[in-house]
Amino acid sequence: MGERTKRLGKCYGTATVSERGQIVIPAEARRELGLECGTKLLVFRSGHMHGLVFMTADTVTDFVREAVSRLTEFERTVMETAESEEE
């Protein structure tokens, strides 16, 4: 797989929006990503493109948890640095 393909991800095919606003996620994508009936997906508007991004709620939760942990560690480092400069 080329570098550009890795960056862009994988295309699983197409989906059509129904009259009720529903779409079907292709079976291959559901299998590869472990999406089962009842999996909660968050839907985001892509900021720089006219498109949507779907992420599982668990993925977003894990991302936010990791970000908060890293920010807390960064804050601790900044505070320790400021304290040592005051001495």
PDB file of N, CA and C in Angstrom:
ATOM      1  N   MET A   1       0.848  -1.178   0.000  1.00  0.00           N
ATOM      2  CA  MET A   1       0.000   0.000   0.000  1.00  0.00           C
ATOM      3  C   MET A   1       0.890   1.237   0.000  1.00  0.00           C
ATOM      4  N   GLY A   2       0.635   2.164  -0.901  1.00  0.00           N
ATOM      5  CA  GLY A   2       1.435   3.373  -0.991  1.00  0.00           C
ATOM      6  C   GLY A   2       1.177   4.330   0.155  1.00  0.00           C
ATOM      7  N   GLU A   3       2.096   5.280   0.352  1.00  0.00           N
ATOM      8  CA  GLU A   3       1.972   6.243   1.447  1.00  0.00           C
ATOM      9  C   GLU A   3       0.690   7.068   1.323  1.00  0.00           C
ATOM     10  N   ARG A   4       0.362   7.492   0.109  1.00  0.00           N
ATOM     11  CA  ARG A   4      -0.862   8.290  -0.085  1.00  0.00           C
ATOM     12  C   ARG A   4      -2.100   7.475   0.269  1.00  0.00           C
ATOM     13  N   THR A   5      -2.128   6.195  -0.098  1.00  0.00           N
ATOM     14  CA  THR A   5      -3.268   5.338   0.209  1.00  0.00           C
ATOM     15  C   THR A   5      -3.409   5.160   1.710  1.00  0.00           C
ATOM     16  N   LYS A   6      -2.286   4.972   2.414  1.00  0.00           N
ATOM     17  CA  LYS A   6      -2.338   4.839   3.874  1.00  0.00           C
ATOM     18  C   LYS A   6      -2.919   6.097   4.505  1.00  0.00           C
ATOM     19  N   ARG A   7      -2.519   7.252   4.004  1.00  0.00           N
ATOM     20  CA  ARG A   7      -2.973   8.519   4.560  1.00  0.00           C
ATOM     21  C   ARG A   7      -4.466   8.725   4.308  1.00  0.00           C
ATOM     22  N   LEU A   8      -4.950   8.324   3.155  1.00  0.00           N
ATOM     23  CA  LEU A   8      -6.345   8.537   2.802  1.00  0.00           C
ATOM     24  C   LEU A   8      -7.258   7.445   3.344  1.00  0.00           C
ATOM     25  N   GLY A   9      -6.728   6.301   3.681  1.00  0.00           N
ATOM     26  CA  GLY A   9      -7.544   5.205   4.176  1.00  0.00           C
ATOM     27  C   GLY A   9      -7.973   4.289   3.050  1.00  0.00           C
ATOM     28  N   LYS A  10      -9.057   3.606   3.261  1.00  0.00           N
ATOM     29  CA  LYS A  10      -9.525   2.596   2.320  1.00  0.00           C
ATOM     30  C   LYS A  10     -10.945   2.920   1.883  1.00  0.00           C
ATOM     31  N   CYS A  11     -11.236   2.715   0.628  1.00  0.00           N
ATOM     32  CA  CYS A  11     -12.589   2.907   0.112  1.00  0.00           C
ATOM     33  C   CYS A  11     -13.286   1.545   0.089  1.00  0.00           C
ATOM     34  N   TYR A  12     -14.425   1.453   0.766  1.00  0.00           N
ATOM     35  CA  TYR A  12     -15.183   0.207   0.832  1.00  0.00           C
ATOM     36  C   TYR A  12     -16.301   0.155  -0.200  1.00  0.00           C
ATOM     37  N   GLY A  13     -16.512   1.217  -0.919  1.00  0.00           N
ATOM     38  CA  GLY A  13     -17.596   1.247  -1.894  1.00  0.00           C
ATOM     39  C   GLY A  13     -18.461   2.465  -1.661  1.00  0.00           C
ATOM     40  N   THR A  14     -19.730   2.346  -2.011  1.00  0.00           N
ATOM     41  CA  THR A  14     -20.638   3.479  -1.879  1.00  0.00           C
ATOM     42  C   THR A  14     -21.795   3.137  -0.945  1.00  0.00           C
ATOM     43  N   ALA A  15     -22.459   4.175  -0.481  1.00  0.00           N
ATOM     44  CA  ALA A  15     -23.676   4.030   0.310  1.00  0.00           C
ATOM     45  C   ALA A  15     -24.638   5.102  -0.167  1.00  0.00           C
ATOM     46  N   THR A  16     -25.910   4.799  -0.151  1.00  0.00           N
ATOM     47  CA  THR A  16     -26.929   5.739  -0.589  1.00  0.00           C
ATOM     48  C   THR A  16     -27.778   6.140   0.611  1.00  0.00           C
ATOM     49  N   VAL A  17     -28.076   7.414   0.713  1.00  0.00           N
ATOM     50  CA  VAL A  17     -28.936   7.908   1.786  1.00  0.00           C
ATOM     51  C   VAL A  17     -30.387   7.629   1.404  1.00  0.00           C
ATOM     52  N   SER A  18     -31.120   6.962   2.315  1.00  0.00           N
ATOM     53  CA  SER A  18     -32.524   6.637   2.044  1.00  0.00           C
ATOM     54  C   SER A  18     -33.418   7.855   2.315  1.00  0.00           C
ATOM     55  N   GLU A  19     -34.680   7.725   2.007  1.00  0.00           N
ATOM     56  CA  GLU A  19     -35.636   8.808   2.260  1.00  0.00           C
ATOM     57  C   GLU A  19     -35.677   9.173   3.737  1.00  0.00           C
ATOM     58  N   ARG A  20     -35.403   8.213   4.601  1.00  0.00           N
ATOM     59  CA  ARG A  20     -35.414   8.448   6.047  1.00  0.00           C
ATOM     60  C   ARG A  20     -34.052   8.886   6.572  1.00  0.00           C
ATOM     61  N   GLY A  21     -33.090   9.114   5.677  1.00  0.00           N
ATOM     62  CA  GLY A  21     -31.767   9.579   6.081  1.00  0.00           C
ATOM     63  C   GLY A  21     -30.843   8.465   6.542  1.00  0.00           C
ATOM     64  N   GLN A  22     -31.178   7.239   6.263  1.00  0.00           N
ATOM     65  CA  GLN A  22     -30.377   6.105   6.681  1.00  0.00           C
ATOM     66  C   GLN A  22     -29.379   5.718   5.596  1.00  0.00           C
ATOM     67  N   ILE A  23     -28.248   5.170   6.049  1.00  0.00           N
ATOM     68  CA  ILE A  23     -27.269   4.610   5.112  1.00  0.00           C
ATOM     69  C   ILE A  23     -26.899   3.217   5.603  1.00  0.00           C
ATOM     70  N   VAL A  24     -26.416   2.403   4.694  1.00  0.00           N
ATOM     71  CA  VAL A  24     -25.935   1.071   5.036  1.00  0.00           C
ATOM     72  C   VAL A  24     -24.424   1.085   4.891  1.00  0.00           C
ATOM     73  N   ILE A  25     -23.736   0.685   5.949  1.00  0.00           N
ATOM     74  CA  ILE A  25     -22.280   0.597   5.907  1.00  0.00           C
ATOM     75  C   ILE A  25     -21.932  -0.731   5.243  1.00  0.00           C
ATOM     76  N   PRO A  26     -21.088  -0.719   4.213  1.00  0.00           N
ATOM     77  CA  PRO A  26     -20.754  -1.957   3.515  1.00  0.00           C
ATOM     78  C   PRO A  26     -20.258  -3.055   4.471  1.00  0.00           C
ATOM     79  N   ALA A  27     -20.643  -4.300   4.187  1.00  0.00           N
ATOM     80  CA  ALA A  27     -20.330  -5.445   5.046  1.00  0.00           C
ATOM     81  C   ALA A  27     -18.831  -5.578   5.302  1.00  0.00           C
ATOM     82  N   GLU A  28     -18.008  -5.374   4.282  1.00  0.00           N
ATOM     83  CA  GLU A  28     -16.557  -5.506   4.460  1.00  0.00           C
ATOM     84  C   GLU A  28     -16.045  -4.525   5.510  1.00  0.00           C
ATOM     85  N   ALA A  29     -16.551  -3.296   5.474  1.00  0.00           N
ATOM     86  CA  ALA A  29     -16.147  -2.287   6.461  1.00  0.00           C
ATOM     87  C   ALA A  29     -16.609  -2.691   7.857  1.00  0.00           C
ATOM     88  N   ARG A  30     -17.844  -3.167   7.965  1.00  0.00           N
ATOM     89  CA  ARG A  30     -18.351  -3.592   9.276  1.00  0.00           C
ATOM     90  C   ARG A  30     -17.514  -4.724   9.847  1.00  0.00           C
ATOM     91  N   ARG A  31     -17.155  -5.684   9.006  1.00  0.00           N
ATOM     92  CA  ARG A  31     -16.329  -6.818   9.465  1.00  0.00           C
ATOM     93  C   ARG A  31     -14.956  -6.346   9.911  1.00  0.00           C
ATOM     94  N   GLU A  32     -14.270  -5.589   9.040  1.00  0.00           N
ATOM     95  CA  GLU A  32     -12.899  -5.155   9.340  1.00  0.00           C
ATOM     96  C   GLU A  32     -12.835  -4.251  10.565  1.00  0.00           C
ATOM     97  N   LEU A  33     -13.859  -3.436  10.774  1.00  0.00           N
ATOM     98  CA  LEU A  33     -13.847  -2.473  11.872  1.00  0.00           C
ATOM     99  C   LEU A  33     -14.570  -2.985  13.116  1.00  0.00           C
ATOM    100  N   GLY A  34     -15.107  -4.194  13.035  1.00  0.00           N
ATOM    101  CA  GLY A  34     -15.785  -4.775  14.188  1.00  0.00           C
ATOM    102  C   GLY A  34     -17.075  -4.071  14.557  1.00  0.00           C
ATOM    103  N   LEU A  35     -17.759  -3.513  13.571  1.00  0.00           N
ATOM    104  CA  LEU A  35     -19.029  -2.821  13.830  1.00  0.00           C
ATOM    105  C   LEU A  35     -20.148  -3.851  13.868  1.00  0.00           C
ATOM    106  N   GLU A  36     -20.818  -3.910  14.996  1.00  0.00           N
ATOM    107  CA  GLU A  36     -21.908  -4.855  15.170  1.00  0.00           C
ATOM    108  C   GLU A  36     -23.208  -4.092  15.392  1.00  0.00           C
ATOM    109  N   CYS A  37     -24.304  -4.798  15.312  1.00  0.00           N
ATOM    110  CA  CYS A  37     -25.599  -4.194  15.574  1.00  0.00           C
ATOM    111  C   CYS A  37     -25.571  -3.550  16.954  1.00  0.00           C
ATOM    112  N   GLY A  38     -25.962  -2.289  17.029  1.00  0.00           N
ATOM    113  CA  GLY A  38     -25.971  -1.582  18.301  1.00  0.00           C
ATOM    114  C   GLY A  38     -24.731  -0.743  18.568  1.00  0.00           C
ATOM    115  N   THR A  39     -23.702  -0.866  17.716  1.00  0.00           N
ATOM    116  CA  THR A  39     -22.502  -0.050  17.889  1.00  0.00           C
ATOM    117  C   THR A  39     -22.871   1.414  17.715  1.00  0.00           C
ATOM    118  N   LYS A  40     -22.494   2.238  18.691  1.00  0.00           N
ATOM    119  CA  LYS A  40     -22.777   3.678  18.618  1.00  0.00           C
ATOM    120  C   LYS A  40     -21.703   4.360  17.781  1.00  0.00           C
ATOM    121  N   LEU A  41     -22.140   5.132  16.797  1.00  0.00           N
ATOM    122  CA  LEU A  41     -21.223   5.899  15.954  1.00  0.00           C
ATOM    123  C   LEU A  41     -21.480   7.383  16.160  1.00  0.00           C
ATOM    124  N   LEU A  42     -20.407   8.150  16.238  1.00  0.00           N
ATOM    125  CA  LEU A  42     -20.517   9.598  16.251  1.00  0.00           C
ATOM    126  C   LEU A  42     -20.255  10.080  14.840  1.00  0.00           C
ATOM    127  N   VAL A  43     -20.992  11.062  14.405  1.00  0.00           N
ATOM    128  CA  VAL A  43     -20.890  11.583  13.043  1.00  0.00           C
ATOM    129  C   VAL A  43     -20.365  13.007  13.115  1.00  0.00           C
ATOM    130  N   PHE A  44     -19.258  13.254  12.430  1.00  0.00           N
ATOM    131  CA  PHE A  44     -18.633  14.571  12.411  1.00  0.00           C
ATOM    132  C   PHE A  44     -18.621  15.102  10.991  1.00  0.00           C
ATOM    133  N   ARG A  45     -18.746  16.404  10.860  1.00  0.00           N
ATOM    134  CA  ARG A  45     -18.544  17.058   9.565  1.00  0.00           C
ATOM    135  C   ARG A  45     -17.052  17.277   9.427  1.00  0.00           C
ATOM    136  N   SER A  46     -16.492  16.876   8.318  1.00  0.00           N
ATOM    137  CA  SER A  46     -15.074  17.082   8.059  1.00  0.00           C
ATOM    138  C   SER A  46     -14.834  18.571   7.880  1.00  0.00           C
ATOM    139  N   GLY A  47     -13.880  19.120   8.623  1.00  0.00           N
ATOM    140  CA  GLY A  47     -13.648  20.553   8.624  1.00  0.00           C
ATOM    141  C   GLY A  47     -13.151  21.122   7.319  1.00  0.00           C
ATOM    142  N   HIS A  48     -12.322  20.385   6.606  1.00  0.00           N
ATOM    143  CA  HIS A  48     -11.702  20.943   5.403  1.00  0.00           C
ATOM    144  C   HIS A  48     -12.288  20.379   4.112  1.00  0.00           C
ATOM    145  N   MET A  49     -13.212  19.449   4.224  1.00  0.00           N
ATOM    146  CA  MET A  49     -13.811  18.862   3.034  1.00  0.00           C
ATOM    147  C   MET A  49     -15.324  18.831   3.222  1.00  0.00           C
ATOM    148  N   HIS A  50     -16.043  18.642   2.166  1.00  0.00           N
ATOM    149  CA  HIS A  50     -17.496  18.501   2.252  1.00  0.00           C
ATOM    150  C   HIS A  50     -17.803  17.021   2.425  1.00  0.00           C
ATOM    151  N   GLY A  51     -17.666  16.544   3.640  1.00  0.00           N
ATOM    152  CA  GLY A  51     -17.898  15.133   3.884  1.00  0.00           C
ATOM    153  C   GLY A  51     -18.172  14.869   5.348  1.00  0.00           C
ATOM    154  N   LEU A  52     -18.416  13.606   5.659  1.00  0.00           N
ATOM    155  CA  LEU A  52     -18.696  13.175   7.013  1.00  0.00           C
ATOM    156  C   LEU A  52     -17.647  12.172   7.454  1.00  0.00           C
ATOM    157  N   VAL A  53     -17.411  12.154   8.751  1.00  0.00           N
ATOM    158  CA  VAL A  53     -16.502  11.195   9.345  1.00  0.00           C
ATOM    159  C   VAL A  53     -17.290  10.454  10.423  1.00  0.00           C
ATOM    160  N   PHE A  54     -17.243   9.132  10.402  1.00  0.00           N
ATOM    161  CA  PHE A  54     -17.910   8.310  11.396  1.00  0.00           C
ATOM    162  C   PHE A  54     -16.846   7.686  12.292  1.00  0.00           C
ATOM    163  N   MET A  55     -17.060   7.761  13.587  1.00  0.00           N
ATOM    164  CA  MET A  55     -16.151   7.125  14.547  1.00  0.00           C
ATOM    165  C   MET A  55     -16.994   6.455  15.617  1.00  0.00           C
ATOM    166  N   THR A  56     -16.518   5.314  16.108  1.00  0.00           N
ATOM    167  CA  THR A  56     -17.258   4.687  17.187  1.00  0.00           C
ATOM    168  C   THR A  56     -17.137   5.553  18.439  1.00  0.00           C
ATOM    169  N   ALA A  57     -18.168   5.515  19.252  1.00  0.00           N
ATOM    170  CA  ALA A  57     -18.159   6.281  20.503  1.00  0.00           C
ATOM    171  C   ALA A  57     -16.983   5.842  21.377  1.00  0.00           C
ATOM    172  N   ASP A  58     -16.674   4.546  21.392  1.00  0.00           N
ATOM    173  CA  ASP A  58     -15.543   4.043  22.187  1.00  0.00           C
ATOM    174  C   ASP A  58     -14.222   4.631  21.708  1.00  0.00           C
ATOM    175  N   THR A  59     -14.054   4.758  20.389  1.00  0.00           N
ATOM    176  CA  THR A  59     -12.826   5.332  19.841  1.00  0.00           C
ATOM    177  C   THR A  59     -12.669   6.783  20.274  1.00  0.00           C
ATOM    178  N   VAL A  60     -13.748   7.545  20.211  1.00  0.00           N
ATOM    179  CA  VAL A  60     -13.699   8.954  20.606  1.00  0.00           C
ATOM    180  C   VAL A  60     -13.422   9.064  22.105  1.00  0.00           C
ATOM    181  N   THR A  61     -14.072   8.226  22.903  1.00  0.00           N
ATOM    182  CA  THR A  61     -13.845   8.232  24.348  1.00  0.00           C
ATOM    183  C   THR A  61     -12.382   7.932  24.673  1.00  0.00           C
ATOM    184  N   ASP A  62     -11.824   6.908  24.023  1.00  0.00           N
ATOM    185  CA  ASP A  62     -10.408   6.553  24.247  1.00  0.00           C
ATOM    186  C   ASP A  62      -9.487   7.693  23.837  1.00  0.00           C
ATOM    187  N   PHE A  63      -9.791   8.333  22.704  1.00  0.00           N
ATOM    188  CA  PHE A  63      -8.979   9.450  22.229  1.00  0.00           C
ATOM    189  C   PHE A  63      -8.996  10.605  23.232  1.00  0.00           C
ATOM    190  N   VAL A  64     -10.188  10.954  23.703  1.00  0.00           N
ATOM    191  CA  VAL A  64     -10.315  12.065  24.651  1.00  0.00           C
ATOM    192  C   VAL A  64      -9.607  11.721  25.959  1.00  0.00           C
ATOM    193  N   ARG A  65      -9.774  10.499  26.440  1.00  0.00           N
ATOM    194  CA  ARG A  65      -9.113  10.068  27.671  1.00  0.00           C
ATOM    195  C   ARG A  65      -7.590  10.192  27.534  1.00  0.00           C
ATOM    196  N   GLU A  66      -7.048   9.742  26.409  1.00  0.00           N
ATOM    197  CA  GLU A  66      -5.600   9.832  26.175  1.00  0.00           C
ATOM    198  C   GLU A  66      -5.157  11.285  26.070  1.00  0.00           C
ATOM    199  N   ALA A  67      -5.938  12.108  25.383  1.00  0.00           N
ATOM    200  CA  ALA A  67      -5.589  13.534  25.247  1.00  0.00           C
ATOM    201  C   ALA A  67      -5.561  14.219  26.607  1.00  0.00           C
ATOM    202  N   VAL A  68      -6.551  13.944  27.440  1.00  0.00           N
ATOM    203  CA  VAL A  68      -6.597  14.542  28.777  1.00  0.00           C
ATOM    204  C   VAL A  68      -5.401  14.074  29.598  1.00  0.00           C
ATOM    205  N   SER A  69      -5.068  12.813  29.503  1.00  0.00           N
ATOM    206  CA  SER A  69      -3.919  12.273  30.232  1.00  0.00           C
ATOM    207  C   SER A  69      -2.628  12.962  29.806  1.00  0.00           C
ATOM    208  N   ARG A  70      -2.451  13.136  28.508  1.00  0.00           N
ATOM    209  CA  ARG A  70      -1.238  13.806  28.016  1.00  0.00           C
ATOM    210  C   ARG A  70      -1.207  15.276  28.399  1.00  0.00           C
ATOM    211  N   LEU A  71      -2.357  15.934  28.362  1.00  0.00           N
ATOM    212  CA  LEU A  71      -2.415  17.339  28.771  1.00  0.00           C
ATOM    213  C   LEU A  71      -2.107  17.483  30.258  1.00  0.00           C
ATOM    214  N   THR A  72      -2.599  16.555  31.064  1.00  0.00           N
ATOM    215  CA  THR A  72      -2.314  16.574  32.497  1.00  0.00           C
ATOM    216  C   THR A  72      -0.816  16.404  32.741  1.00  0.00           C
ATOM    217  N   GLU A  73      -0.206  15.484  32.022  1.00  0.00           N
ATOM    218  CA  GLU A  73       1.241  15.265  32.143  1.00  0.00           C
ATOM    219  C   GLU A  73       2.008  16.508  31.691  1.00  0.00           C
ATOM    220  N   PHE A  74       1.572  17.127  30.610  1.00  0.00           N
ATOM    221  CA  PHE A  74       2.209  18.348  30.117  1.00  0.00           C
ATOM    222  C   PHE A  74       2.093  19.461  31.156  1.00  0.00           C
ATOM    223  N   GLU A  75       0.900  19.606  31.737  1.00  0.00           N
ATOM    224  CA  GLU A  75       0.685  20.631  32.752  1.00  0.00           C
ATOM    225  C   GLU A  75       1.610  20.392  33.955  1.00  0.00           C
ATOM    226  N   ARG A  76       1.743  19.134  34.362  1.00  0.00           N
ATOM    227  CA  ARG A  76       2.623  18.797  35.476  1.00  0.00           C
ATOM    228  C   ARG A  76       4.071  19.178  35.150  1.00  0.00           C
ATOM    229  N   THR A  77       4.508  18.896  33.938  1.00  0.00           N
ATOM    230  CA  THR A  77       5.870  19.235  33.523  1.00  0.00           C
ATOM    231  C   THR A  77       6.080  20.742  33.532  1.00  0.00           C
ATOM    232  N   VAL A  78       5.108  21.489  33.019  1.00  0.00           N
ATOM    233  CA  VAL A  78       5.208  22.951  32.996  1.00  0.00           C
ATOM    234  C   VAL A  78       5.285  23.499  34.416  1.00  0.00           C
ATOM    235  N   MET A  79       4.447  22.986  35.300  1.00  0.00           N
ATOM    236  CA  MET A  79       4.438  23.448  36.702  1.00  0.00           C
ATOM    237  C   MET A  79       5.772  23.132  37.383  1.00  0.00           C
ATOM    238  N   GLU A  80       6.301  21.942  37.151  1.00  0.00           N
ATOM    239  CA  GLU A  80       7.592  21.556  37.753  1.00  0.00           C
ATOM    240  C   GLU A  80       8.713  22.448  37.225  1.00  0.00           C
ATOM    241  N   THR A  81       8.678  22.749  35.936  1.00  0.00           N
ATOM    242  CA  THR A  81       9.682  23.611  35.325  1.00  0.00           C
ATOM    243  C   THR A  81       9.600  25.014  35.910  1.00  0.00           C
ATOM    244  N   ALA A  82       8.381  25.542  36.059  1.00  0.00           N
ATOM    245  CA  ALA A  82       8.194  26.883  36.626  1.00  0.00           C
ATOM    246  C   ALA A  82       8.674  26.923  38.069  1.00  0.00           C
ATOM    247  N   GLU A  83       8.395  25.891  38.831  1.00  0.00           N
ATOM    248  CA  GLU A  83       8.824  25.836  40.230  1.00  0.00           C
ATOM    249  C   GLU A  83      10.343  25.780  40.339  1.00  0.00           C
ATOM    250  N   SER A  84      10.984  25.010  39.484  1.00  0.00           N
ATOM    251  CA  SER A  84      12.441  24.880  39.553  1.00  0.00           C
ATOM    252  C   SER A  84      13.116  26.181  39.091  1.00  0.00           C
ATOM    253  N   GLU A  85      12.487  26.945  38.217  1.00  0.00           N
ATOM    254  CA  GLU A  85      13.043  28.224  37.775  1.00  0.00           C
ATOM    255  C   GLU A  85      12.911  29.290  38.855  1.00  0.00           C
ATOM    256  N   GLU A  86      11.900  29.151  39.727  1.00  0.00           N
ATOM    257  CA  GLU A  86      11.698  30.100  40.810  1.00  0.00           C
ATOM    258  C   GLU A  86      12.737  29.930  41.916  1.00  0.00           C
ATOM    259  N   GLU A  87      13.309  28.736  42.035  1.00  0.00           N
ATOM    260  CA  GLU A  87      14.274  28.456  43.099  1.00  0.00           C
ATOM    261  C   GLU A  87      15.626  29.024  42.843  1.00  0.00           C
TER     262      GLU A  87
END
